[in-house]
Amino acid sequence: MNKAIGRYRWTICALVFFATTINYLDRVVISLLKGDLEKDFNWSESDYADLVVVFQLAYAFGMLGAGSLIDKFGTKIGYTISLTAWSIVGVLTAFAKTTFGFGIARAGLGLSESGNFPAAVKTIAEWFPKKERALATGIFNSGTNVGAILAPLSVPFIAEFWGWQWAFIITGAIGFLWLILWITIYDTPAKHKKVSPEELAYINSDQDEQTEDQTSTEKVSWFKLLTFRQTWAFVIGKMLTDPIWWFYLFWLPAFLKAEYGLEGSAASLPVAVVYTIASVGSIFGGWLPLNLIKKGFPVFRARKTSMFIYALCAIPAVFIQYLGSMGLWLAVLSIGFATSAHQAWSANIFTTVSDMFPKKAVASVIGIGGMAGGLGGMAFSKLAGKLFDHYKALGHLETGYYIMFLICGFGYLLAWLVMHLLVPRYKLIELSSSSAPVA
């Protein structure tokens, strides 16, 4: 069937995948250089946590503005501006001379990187029918893992041979290569010359989206979106689960150093293994609901059933510290399974937005939820920094990690319950001037 209707939409998915890979490659460089930077700038655990918080704060508020702007100006312009900006900031980070300078650079990176996910999810909503969106989202979202894999396999070696400054310069410059492809290749499905009439009809085949104006650039206000329970379900879901991913992303190298004395290139393989496992979860996370839909499940039921399974799969994270006490690779495998559960969850929570909202509002809702996730991540990072400094002073740092992993294990189940209570059934809402909030 796919051969008959065309497959160009998957080329667009590949472009979004590579953008997300670059996004995370640039984002995690600092976590892999933490040891070098602590020595050069005399950082404590709380100092590092503050830099993570600065990034998250800028990212959170950037998400709010980026989502609205991308809905207004479209994905092509929005993605171009965002990726150009974060690539420039990534390169300029190499020239930071003080902790304050690093704070400015991390704030700039967070602000500019915030455009990636609103643009990516909106692109998938525009290019894929609902039944394929979770799989397409899982594929592009696996770019977060690939970026996190490439970073430990390259950044420590660049730093060892040429200095940490070149790690920022080289990773930051990669984005300019992607921009050439994006500007050359991308357009909306209705305007793209390589999209056949059959594929365009397939992309727009969802009955509840038939009356939607695909070319509309009407701006939907945040205040109006916040009157819907669907918005709050996504916002709270992101606020409860995004911080867990941030924790794994920014503290995994520190955990390996604290527990096993691994840093620099010595930590490269364990970190790469964790995110390789997470990549499997991201793609499986999109495949399962598609398979359920093919078996006759309604879209909302397939999505919700899948997310419940992934929430349960996150619970074993509470045993990471215990298993890790038996050996490095038990810790690595258990963290890998936990991140895999998150990525499977993430592939679906993003897709719930295009299930429930018209395409003209998708990036805005993603932005609001992203802001909530960033604010939650800030609080989580501050908690981690305080806990680790406290227990490190007592000589029991492992207790701090045990507490954090306990929270990580049950966060998804709580999020699923809240989302289920707010929206028992997914339904595409109308955002016409006469629409009222969903009761």
Protein backbone atom coordinates (compact mmCIF):
# COMPACT_ATOMS: atom_id res chain seq x y z
CA MET A 1 0.00 0.00 0.00
CA ASN A 2 2.76 2.47 0.95
CA LYS A 3 4.45 1.87 -2.41
CA ALA A 4 1.23 2.70 -4.25
CA ILE A 5 0.56 5.91 -2.37
CA GLY A 6 4.15 7.12 -2.13
CA ARG A 7 6.60 7.40 0.77
CA TYR A 8 7.97 10.92 0.57
CA ARG A 9 6.58 11.71 4.01
CA TRP A 10 9.28 9.45 5.45
CA THR A 11 11.96 11.63 3.86
CA ILE A 12 10.54 14.54 5.84
CA CYS A 13 10.52 12.37 8.96
CA ALA A 14 14.22 11.64 8.35
CA LEU A 15 14.97 15.38 8.17
CA VAL A 16 13.23 15.95 11.51
CA PHE A 17 15.12 12.98 12.98
CA PHE A 18 18.48 14.52 12.03
CA ALA A 19 17.48 17.92 13.41
CA THR A 20 16.55 16.30 16.73
CA THR A 21 19.86 14.39 16.74
CA ILE A 22 21.78 17.66 16.35
CA ASN A 23 19.59 19.30 19.00
CA TYR A 24 20.57 16.73 21.60
CA LEU A 25 24.18 16.48 20.50
CA ASP A 26 24.58 20.20 21.23
CA ARG A 27 22.55 19.94 24.43
CA VAL A 28 24.50 17.19 26.21
CA VAL A 29 28.04 18.37 25.44
CA ILE A 30 28.28 20.13 28.81
CA SER A 31 27.37 16.98 30.78
CA LEU A 32 30.29 15.12 29.19
CA LEU A 33 32.71 17.97 29.90
CA LYS A 34 31.51 18.38 33.50
CA GLY A 35 34.74 16.99 34.98
CA ASP A 36 37.00 19.27 32.93
CA LEU A 37 34.84 22.32 33.53
CA GLU A 38 34.60 21.66 37.28
CA LYS A 39 38.40 21.77 37.46
CA ASP A 40 38.74 24.90 35.31
CA PHE A 41 35.90 26.84 36.95
CA ASN A 42 35.83 25.25 40.43
CA TRP A 43 32.16 24.23 40.24
CA SER A 44 30.27 22.43 43.01
CA GLU A 45 27.37 20.06 42.34
CA SER A 46 24.99 22.95 43.00
CA ASP A 47 26.90 25.20 40.56
CA TYR A 48 26.45 22.61 37.84
CA ALA A 49 22.79 22.18 38.81
CA ASP A 50 22.36 25.97 38.46
CA LEU A 51 23.67 25.83 34.89
CA VAL A 52 21.22 23.04 34.12
CA VAL A 53 18.45 25.18 35.63
CA VAL A 54 19.46 28.21 33.57
CA PHE A 55 19.20 26.14 30.40
CA GLN A 56 15.83 24.72 31.47
CA LEU A 57 14.41 28.12 32.43
CA ALA A 58 15.32 29.62 29.06
CA TYR A 59 14.09 26.47 27.30
CA ALA A 60 10.80 26.53 29.18
CA PHE A 61 9.88 30.11 28.32
CA GLY A 62 11.35 29.72 24.85
CA MET A 63 8.99 26.80 24.22
CA LEU A 64 6.01 29.01 24.97
CA GLY A 65 7.04 31.64 22.44
CA ALA A 66 8.45 29.22 19.87
CA GLY A 67 5.26 27.18 19.65
CA SER A 68 3.15 30.25 18.99
CA LEU A 69 5.56 31.63 16.38
CA ILE A 70 5.83 28.31 14.55
CA ASP A 71 2.04 28.06 14.36
CA LYS A 72 1.98 31.61 12.95
CA PHE A 73 4.87 31.45 10.45
CA GLY A 74 5.05 27.73 9.68
CA THR A 75 7.54 24.97 10.24
CA LYS A 76 9.99 25.85 7.46
CA ILE A 77 10.73 29.36 8.71
CA GLY A 78 10.44 28.39 12.39
CA TYR A 79 12.86 25.46 12.14
CA THR A 80 15.34 27.53 10.12
CA ILE A 81 15.46 30.32 12.69
CA SER A 82 15.68 27.95 15.67
CA LEU A 83 18.45 25.72 14.33
CA THR A 84 20.51 28.63 13.00
CA ALA A 85 20.36 30.31 16.40
CA TRP A 86 21.25 27.25 18.49
CA SER A 87 24.14 26.35 16.20
CA ILE A 88 25.62 29.84 16.57
CA VAL A 89 25.19 29.78 20.35
CA GLY A 90 26.72 26.29 20.53
CA VAL A 91 29.86 27.53 18.81
CA LEU A 92 30.06 30.70 20.92
CA THR A 93 29.94 28.65 24.16
CA ALA A 94 33.59 27.77 23.50
CA PHE A 95 34.54 31.36 24.21
CA ALA A 96 32.99 31.54 27.71
CA LYS A 97 35.65 32.57 30.23
CA THR A 98 33.64 32.60 33.47
CA THR A 99 30.79 30.68 35.10
CA PHE A 100 28.56 33.67 34.38
CA GLY A 101 29.56 33.47 30.73
CA PHE A 102 28.59 29.81 30.68
CA GLY A 103 25.26 30.75 32.21
CA ILE A 104 24.61 33.26 29.42
CA ALA A 105 25.57 30.69 26.78
CA ARG A 106 23.37 27.97 28.30
CA ALA A 107 20.44 30.40 28.49
CA GLY A 108 20.93 31.25 24.82
CA LEU A 109 21.11 27.58 23.89
CA GLY A 110 17.95 26.75 25.84
CA LEU A 111 16.05 29.65 24.28
CA SER A 112 17.05 28.75 20.72
CA GLU A 113 16.73 24.95 21.06
CA SER A 114 13.16 25.33 22.30
CA GLY A 115 11.90 25.55 18.72
CA ASN A 116 12.83 21.97 17.82
CA PHE A 117 9.97 19.96 19.31
CA PRO A 118 7.09 22.34 18.47
CA ALA A 119 8.35 22.42 14.87
CA ALA A 120 9.00 18.67 14.75
CA VAL A 121 5.61 17.60 16.12
CA LYS A 122 3.79 20.10 13.89
CA THR A 123 5.70 18.76 10.88
CA ILE A 124 4.63 15.20 11.71
CA ALA A 125 1.01 16.33 12.17
CA GLU A 126 1.09 17.99 8.75
CA TRP A 127 2.74 15.07 6.95
CA PHE A 128 1.21 11.95 8.54
CA PRO A 129 -2.28 10.58 9.22
CA LYS A 130 -3.05 9.93 12.87
CA LYS A 131 -2.44 6.20 12.75
CA GLU A 132 1.18 6.74 11.65
CA ARG A 133 2.01 9.75 13.81
CA ALA A 134 3.19 7.87 16.89
CA LEU A 135 5.57 5.76 14.78
CA ALA A 136 6.87 8.83 12.92
CA THR A 137 7.22 10.66 16.25
CA GLY A 138 9.02 7.67 17.76
CA ILE A 139 11.45 7.67 14.85
CA PHE A 140 12.26 11.38 14.98
CA ASN A 141 12.31 11.30 18.78
CA SER A 142 14.93 8.54 18.64
CA GLY A 143 17.19 11.30 17.38
CA THR A 144 17.45 12.40 21.00
CA ASN A 145 19.09 9.08 21.75
CA VAL A 146 21.32 9.11 18.69
CA GLY A 147 22.53 12.57 19.67
CA ALA A 148 23.17 11.32 23.18
CA ILE A 149 25.05 8.32 21.73
CA LEU A 150 27.20 10.33 19.34
CA ALA A 151 28.15 12.80 22.06
CA PRO A 152 30.02 10.39 24.39
CA LEU A 153 31.64 8.72 21.39
CA SER A 154 33.07 12.01 20.15
CA VAL A 155 33.07 14.83 22.71
CA PRO A 156 35.49 13.29 25.29
CA PHE A 157 37.99 12.46 22.55
CA ILE A 158 37.78 15.92 21.01
CA ALA A 159 38.33 17.41 24.47
CA GLU A 160 41.30 15.14 25.19
CA PHE A 161 43.10 15.94 21.94
CA TRP A 162 42.11 19.55 21.23
CA GLY A 163 40.55 20.91 24.42
CA TRP A 164 36.97 21.32 25.60
CA GLN A 165 36.50 24.50 23.56
CA TRP A 166 36.71 22.57 20.28
CA ALA A 167 34.02 20.17 21.47
CA PHE A 168 31.56 23.07 21.52
CA ILE A 169 32.77 24.51 18.22
CA ILE A 170 32.60 21.27 16.22
CA THR A 171 29.25 20.07 17.54
CA GLY A 172 27.74 23.52 17.14
CA ALA A 173 28.84 23.83 13.53
CA ILE A 174 27.15 20.59 12.41
CA GLY A 175 23.74 22.26 12.37
CA PHE A 176 24.65 24.42 9.39
CA LEU A 177 24.93 21.31 7.22
CA TRP A 178 21.36 20.32 8.10
CA LEU A 179 20.07 23.79 7.27
CA ILE A 180 21.15 23.38 3.64
CA LEU A 181 19.04 20.23 3.31
CA TRP A 182 16.04 21.71 5.13
CA ILE A 183 15.90 24.89 3.07
CA THR A 184 16.37 22.92 -0.15
CA ILE A 185 13.97 20.03 0.48
CA TYR A 186 11.14 21.12 2.78
CA ASP A 187 7.70 22.39 1.87
CA THR A 188 4.16 21.59 3.03
CA PRO A 189 2.56 18.44 1.54
CA ALA A 190 0.03 20.37 -0.55
CA LYS A 191 2.80 22.42 -2.20
CA HIS A 192 5.52 19.78 -2.48
CA LYS A 193 6.28 18.65 -6.02
CA LYS A 194 7.40 15.16 -4.94
CA VAL A 195 4.14 14.32 -3.15
CA SER A 196 1.74 12.39 -5.38
CA PRO A 197 -2.02 13.06 -5.28
CA GLU A 198 -2.45 9.59 -3.75
CA GLU A 199 0.01 10.28 -0.94
CA LEU A 200 -1.53 13.69 -0.27
CA ALA A 201 -4.97 12.10 0.01
CA TYR A 202 -3.55 9.48 2.40
CA ILE A 203 -1.90 12.18 4.56
CA ASN A 204 -5.23 14.02 4.81
CA SER A 205 -7.36 10.89 5.25
CA ASP A 206 -8.48 11.43 8.88
CA GLN A 207 -12.20 12.11 8.81
CA ASP A 208 -12.23 14.43 11.81
CA GLU A 209 -9.66 16.68 10.11
CA GLN A 210 -11.41 16.87 6.73
CA THR A 211 -12.98 20.27 7.41
CA GLU A 212 -9.81 21.82 8.79
CA ASP A 213 -8.20 24.58 6.73
CA GLN A 214 -4.72 23.19 6.08
CA THR A 215 -3.37 26.58 4.97
CA SER A 216 -4.70 28.56 7.93
CA THR A 217 -2.19 30.64 9.89
CA GLU A 218 -4.77 31.98 12.35
CA LYS A 219 -3.16 32.40 15.76
CA VAL A 220 -4.92 30.70 18.67
CA SER A 221 -4.27 32.48 21.97
CA TRP A 222 -2.64 30.70 24.90
CA PHE A 223 -5.50 31.82 27.12
CA LYS A 224 -8.04 30.10 24.89
CA LEU A 225 -5.99 26.92 24.77
CA LEU A 226 -5.72 26.90 28.55
CA THR A 227 -9.50 26.70 28.86
CA PHE A 228 -9.44 23.12 27.57
CA ARG A 229 -8.90 20.07 29.74
CA GLN A 230 -6.96 18.52 26.84
CA THR A 231 -4.31 21.22 27.16
CA TRP A 232 -3.96 20.65 30.89
CA ALA A 233 -3.69 16.89 30.43
CA PHE A 234 -0.69 17.41 28.15
CA VAL A 235 0.80 20.14 30.35
CA ILE A 236 0.66 18.08 33.55
CA GLY A 237 1.85 14.95 31.77
CA LYS A 238 4.92 16.83 30.52
CA MET A 239 5.55 18.53 33.86
CA LEU A 240 5.63 15.18 35.68
CA THR A 241 7.71 13.20 33.18
CA ASP A 242 10.04 15.60 31.31
CA PRO A 243 12.09 16.26 34.47
CA ILE A 244 12.93 12.55 34.68
CA TRP A 245 14.43 12.59 31.19
CA TRP A 246 16.34 15.79 31.99
CA PHE A 247 17.74 14.05 35.07
CA TYR A 248 19.01 11.06 33.11
CA LEU A 249 20.37 13.32 30.39
CA PHE A 250 22.36 15.73 32.56
CA TRP A 251 23.31 13.53 35.53
CA LEU A 252 24.16 10.16 33.96
CA PRO A 253 27.87 11.01 33.43
CA ALA A 254 28.02 12.38 36.98
CA PHE A 255 26.44 9.16 38.31
CA LEU A 256 29.02 7.03 36.50
CA LYS A 257 31.83 9.14 37.92
CA ALA A 258 30.45 9.15 41.47
CA GLU A 259 29.62 5.45 41.63
CA TYR A 260 32.32 3.88 39.45
CA GLY A 261 35.00 6.52 38.96
CA LEU A 262 34.35 6.72 35.21
CA GLU A 263 34.79 10.02 33.41
CA GLY A 264 35.82 11.34 30.01
CA SER A 265 36.34 8.69 27.35
CA ALA A 266 36.11 5.92 29.99
CA ALA A 267 32.40 6.70 30.38
CA SER A 268 31.73 6.80 26.63
CA LEU A 269 30.68 3.19 26.15
CA PRO A 270 28.28 2.95 29.14
CA VAL A 271 26.56 6.21 28.14
CA ALA A 272 26.30 5.09 24.52
CA VAL A 273 24.79 1.76 25.59
CA VAL A 274 22.14 3.52 27.70
CA TYR A 275 20.95 5.64 24.79
CA THR A 276 21.15 2.79 22.30
CA ILE A 277 18.65 0.92 24.46
CA ALA A 278 16.55 4.09 24.71
CA SER A 279 16.42 4.29 20.90
CA VAL A 280 14.74 0.89 20.78
CA GLY A 281 12.10 2.14 23.21
CA SER A 282 11.44 5.25 21.14
CA ILE A 283 10.71 3.32 17.95
CA PHE A 284 8.81 0.52 19.74
CA GLY A 285 6.81 3.23 21.50
CA GLY A 286 5.49 4.35 18.13
CA TRP A 287 5.07 0.87 16.68
CA LEU A 288 2.83 -0.55 19.43
CA PRO A 289 -0.11 1.90 19.07
CA LEU A 290 0.09 1.60 15.26
CA ASN A 291 -0.15 -2.18 15.61
CA LEU A 292 -3.09 -1.85 18.01
CA ILE A 293 -4.88 0.48 15.60
CA LYS A 294 -4.39 -2.06 12.80
CA LYS A 295 -6.03 -4.65 15.07
CA GLY A 296 -9.11 -2.46 15.40
CA PHE A 297 -8.39 -0.34 18.48
CA PRO A 298 -9.72 3.24 18.29
CA VAL A 299 -6.85 5.76 18.17
CA PHE A 300 -7.48 7.09 21.68
CA ARG A 301 -7.60 3.60 23.19
CA ALA A 302 -4.45 2.44 21.39
CA ARG A 303 -2.58 5.53 22.57
CA LYS A 304 -3.77 5.31 26.16
CA THR A 305 -3.17 1.55 26.44
CA SER A 306 0.36 1.95 25.12
CA MET A 307 1.14 4.79 27.51
CA PHE A 308 -0.09 2.75 30.47
CA ILE A 309 2.26 -0.08 29.51
CA TYR A 310 5.18 2.33 29.25
CA ALA A 311 4.33 3.88 32.62
CA LEU A 312 4.52 0.43 34.20
CA CYS A 313 7.84 -0.23 32.45
CA ALA A 314 9.31 2.86 34.15
CA ILE A 315 8.68 1.56 37.68
CA PRO A 316 11.79 -0.71 37.82
CA ALA A 317 13.88 2.48 37.90
CA VAL A 318 13.47 2.34 41.69
CA PHE A 319 15.91 -0.59 41.70
CA ILE A 320 18.69 1.15 39.72
CA GLN A 321 20.74 2.01 42.80
CA TYR A 322 20.35 -1.47 44.25
CA LEU A 323 21.25 -3.24 41.01
CA GLY A 324 24.08 -0.82 40.43
CA SER A 325 25.63 -1.84 43.74
CA MET A 326 26.17 -5.30 42.19
CA GLY A 327 28.04 -4.02 39.16
CA LEU A 328 28.44 -1.31 36.54
CA TRP A 329 26.63 -3.07 33.72
CA LEU A 330 23.58 -3.90 35.81
CA ALA A 331 23.29 -0.17 36.45
CA VAL A 332 23.81 0.66 32.78
CA LEU A 333 21.20 -1.85 31.60
CA SER A 334 18.64 -0.79 34.20
CA ILE A 335 19.10 2.91 33.36
CA GLY A 336 18.86 1.99 29.68
CA PHE A 337 15.53 0.26 30.30
CA ALA A 338 14.27 3.28 32.24
CA THR A 339 15.22 5.70 29.46
CA SER A 340 13.67 3.32 26.95
CA ALA A 341 10.38 3.50 28.84
CA HIS A 342 10.57 7.29 28.81
CA GLN A 343 11.19 7.46 25.07
CA ALA A 344 8.28 5.12 24.37
CA TRP A 345 6.09 7.35 26.56
CA SER A 346 7.42 10.48 24.84
CA ALA A 347 6.60 9.19 21.35
CA ASN A 348 2.95 8.99 22.42
CA ILE A 349 2.45 11.98 24.69
CA PHE A 350 3.54 14.27 21.85
CA THR A 351 1.07 12.56 19.52
CA THR A 352 -1.85 13.10 21.90
CA VAL A 353 -1.68 16.79 20.97
CA SER A 354 -2.33 16.19 17.26
CA ASP A 355 -5.00 13.66 18.28
CA MET A 356 -6.89 16.31 20.22
CA PHE A 357 -6.10 19.66 18.54
CA PRO A 358 -6.32 20.98 14.97
CA LYS A 359 -2.98 21.37 13.20
CA LYS A 360 -3.02 25.17 13.47
CA ALA A 361 -2.71 24.89 17.28
CA VAL A 362 -0.38 21.89 17.62
CA ALA A 363 2.91 23.82 18.01
CA SER A 364 1.34 26.23 20.51
CA VAL A 365 0.09 23.40 22.74
CA ILE A 366 3.45 21.63 22.44
CA GLY A 367 5.10 24.89 23.50
CA ILE A 368 2.88 25.28 26.56
CA GLY A 369 3.56 21.69 27.61
CA GLY A 370 7.25 22.11 26.90
CA MET A 371 7.36 25.14 29.16
CA ALA A 372 5.72 23.11 31.92
CA GLY A 373 8.23 20.31 31.41
CA GLY A 374 11.10 22.77 31.56
CA LEU A 375 9.84 24.36 34.78
CA GLY A 376 9.38 20.92 36.30
CA GLY A 377 12.89 20.04 35.16
CA MET A 378 14.28 23.11 36.91
CA ALA A 379 12.74 22.09 40.21
CA PHE A 380 13.98 18.53 39.74
CA SER A 381 17.52 19.69 38.95
CA LYS A 382 17.62 21.96 42.00
CA LEU A 383 16.38 19.08 44.15
CA ALA A 384 19.08 16.81 42.71
CA GLY A 385 21.83 19.37 43.31
CA LYS A 386 20.76 19.97 46.92
CA LEU A 387 20.34 16.27 47.67
CA PHE A 388 23.70 15.33 46.16
CA ASP A 389 25.58 18.13 47.95
CA HIS A 390 23.90 17.15 51.25
CA TYR A 391 24.59 13.43 51.02
CA LYS A 392 28.04 13.94 49.53
CA ALA A 393 28.98 15.95 52.62
CA LEU A 394 27.74 13.05 54.78
CA GLY A 395 29.68 10.51 52.72
CA HIS A 396 26.49 8.82 51.47
CA LEU A 397 25.99 10.17 47.95
CA GLU A 398 24.32 6.93 46.93
CA THR A 399 21.35 7.81 49.17
CA GLY A 400 20.71 10.92 47.08
CA TYR A 401 20.63 8.84 43.91
CA TYR A 402 18.32 6.28 45.53
CA ILE A 403 15.80 9.05 46.32
CA MET A 404 15.97 10.47 42.80
CA PHE A 405 15.54 7.06 41.15
CA LEU A 406 12.55 6.36 43.41
CA ILE A 407 10.84 9.49 42.11
CA CYS A 408 11.77 8.57 38.54
CA GLY A 409 10.13 5.17 38.86
CA PHE A 410 6.63 6.35 39.77
CA GLY A 411 6.41 9.65 37.88
CA TYR A 412 4.92 8.16 34.71
CA LEU A 413 2.16 6.21 36.41
CA LEU A 414 1.09 9.37 38.25
CA ALA A 415 1.13 11.30 34.97
CA TRP A 416 -0.97 8.64 33.22
CA LEU A 417 -3.57 8.70 35.99
CA VAL A 418 -3.87 12.49 35.89
CA MET A 419 -4.15 12.54 32.09
CA HIS A 420 -6.78 9.79 32.15
CA LEU A 421 -8.89 11.64 34.71
CA LEU A 422 -8.72 14.88 32.72
CA VAL A 423 -9.40 13.32 29.30
CA PRO A 424 -11.04 9.87 29.48
CA ARG A 425 -11.50 9.96 25.68
CA TYR A 426 -9.46 11.77 23.04
CA LYS A 427 -11.53 13.93 20.72
CA LEU A 428 -10.48 16.58 18.21
CA ILE A 429 -11.71 19.88 19.55
CA GLU A 430 -12.85 22.87 17.51
CA LEU A 431 -11.10 26.20 17.85
CA SER A 432 -13.52 28.40 15.94
CA SER A 433 -14.39 31.75 17.41
CA SER A 434 -17.60 30.24 18.77
CA SER A 435 -16.02 27.18 20.38
CA ALA A 436 -16.39 26.75 24.10
CA PRO A 437 -14.15 24.94 26.55
CA VAL A 438 -14.67 21.20 26.81
CA ALA A 439 -16.46 20.36 30.04
